[in-house]
Protein backbone atom coordinates (compact mmCIF):
# COMPACT_ATOMS: atom_id res chain seq x y z
CA MET A 1 95.24 81.57 106.72
CA THR A 2 94.23 84.48 104.46
CA ILE A 3 96.59 86.18 102.02
CA LYS A 4 96.63 89.27 104.21
CA GLU A 5 97.63 87.20 107.23
CA GLN A 6 100.38 85.50 105.23
CA ILE A 7 101.71 88.86 104.07
CA ASN A 8 101.66 90.21 107.62
CA GLN A 9 103.49 87.12 108.85
CA GLU A 10 106.22 87.57 106.23
CA LEU A 11 106.48 91.32 106.91
CA GLU A 12 107.30 90.62 110.55
CA LYS A 13 110.47 88.83 109.42
CA LEU A 14 111.87 91.65 107.26
CA PRO A 15 114.39 94.36 108.19
CA GLU A 16 113.38 98.03 108.00
CA PRO A 17 115.08 98.82 104.63
CA LEU A 18 113.12 96.05 102.90
CA LEU A 19 109.92 97.29 104.53
CA GLN A 20 110.54 100.69 102.92
CA GLU A 21 110.90 99.03 99.51
CA ILE A 22 107.67 97.13 100.08
CA LEU A 23 105.87 100.32 101.09
CA ASP A 24 107.13 102.02 97.91
CA PHE A 25 105.90 99.08 95.84
CA VAL A 26 102.48 99.02 97.50
CA GLN A 27 102.11 102.76 96.88
CA PHE A 28 103.16 102.22 93.26
CA LEU A 29 100.48 99.54 92.87
CA GLN A 30 97.86 101.85 94.37
CA VAL A 31 98.74 104.66 91.97
CA LYS A 32 98.82 102.23 89.05
CA HIS A 33 95.38 100.91 89.98
CA GLU A 34 94.00 104.44 90.37
CA LYS A 35 95.33 105.36 86.92
CA ASN A 36 93.57 102.34 85.41
CA SER A 37 90.23 103.42 86.84
CA ILE A 38 90.33 107.10 85.87
CA SER A 39 86.97 108.79 85.40
CA SER A 40 86.35 111.43 82.74
CA ASP A 41 86.64 114.19 85.38
CA THR A 42 90.05 112.91 86.40
CA GLN A 43 91.12 112.72 82.77
CA LEU A 44 90.32 116.42 82.48
CA ASP A 45 92.36 117.11 85.63
CA GLN A 46 95.29 115.16 84.18
CA THR A 47 95.08 117.16 80.96
CA LEU A 48 95.31 120.37 82.98
CA ILE A 49 98.26 119.01 84.94
CA LYS A 50 100.06 118.09 81.71
CA GLU A 51 99.57 121.63 80.46
CA HIS A 52 101.32 122.96 83.57
CA THR A 53 104.16 120.46 83.76
CA LEU A 54 107.61 121.84 84.47
CA THR A 55 109.51 119.03 82.78
CA GLY A 56 112.36 120.51 80.80
CA SER A 57 112.16 123.84 82.61
CA THR A 58 115.29 125.77 83.35
CA ALA A 59 116.19 127.17 86.76
CA GLU A 60 115.29 130.61 85.42
CA ASP A 61 111.80 129.33 84.49
CA LEU A 62 111.30 128.07 88.03
CA LEU A 63 112.23 131.40 89.64
CA GLU A 64 108.70 132.67 89.12
CA PHE A 65 107.57 130.25 91.85
CA VAL A 66 110.02 131.46 94.51
CA GLY A 67 108.14 132.59 97.60
CA SER A 68 104.80 131.36 96.30
CA TRP A 69 104.30 128.59 98.87
CA GLU A 70 101.23 129.15 101.03
CA GLY A 71 99.75 127.04 103.80
CA SER A 72 101.02 124.49 106.27
CA ASP A 73 100.36 121.27 104.35
CA ILE A 74 103.95 120.68 103.22
CA ARG A 75 103.90 117.03 104.36
CA GLU A 76 100.76 116.31 102.34
CA CYS A 77 102.27 118.00 99.30
CA LEU A 78 105.52 116.07 99.63
CA GLN A 79 103.56 112.83 99.91
CA LEU A 80 101.59 113.77 96.78
CA VAL A 81 104.85 114.39 94.94
CA HIS A 82 106.21 111.06 96.14
CA ASP A 83 103.03 109.19 95.17
CA SER A 84 102.68 110.76 91.75
CA ARG A 85 106.28 110.95 90.59
CA MET A 86 107.10 109.41 87.28
CA PRO A 87 109.46 106.42 87.16
CA LEU A 88 113.04 107.13 86.19
CA GLU A 89 113.71 106.50 82.51
CA LEU A 90 117.17 105.18 81.78
């Protein structure tokens, strides 16, 4: 039996809440792997993203974005936010 088959067999036994945790972990691993194999173009993109980060912004700072949403890809954008969010620092 392959590893993938073993994983699938174990997944069949789990309740839905644990499946959500596993999905989150798998997505975390994918993002982690992607970050480890960043090309120079992607490094430039990340530099640009860092320049436009809103960390530490006040509500007043964020008001400039009110009403600026365009398009119908909200689900894709929410998934991107979910996939690229930073881990909580305690």
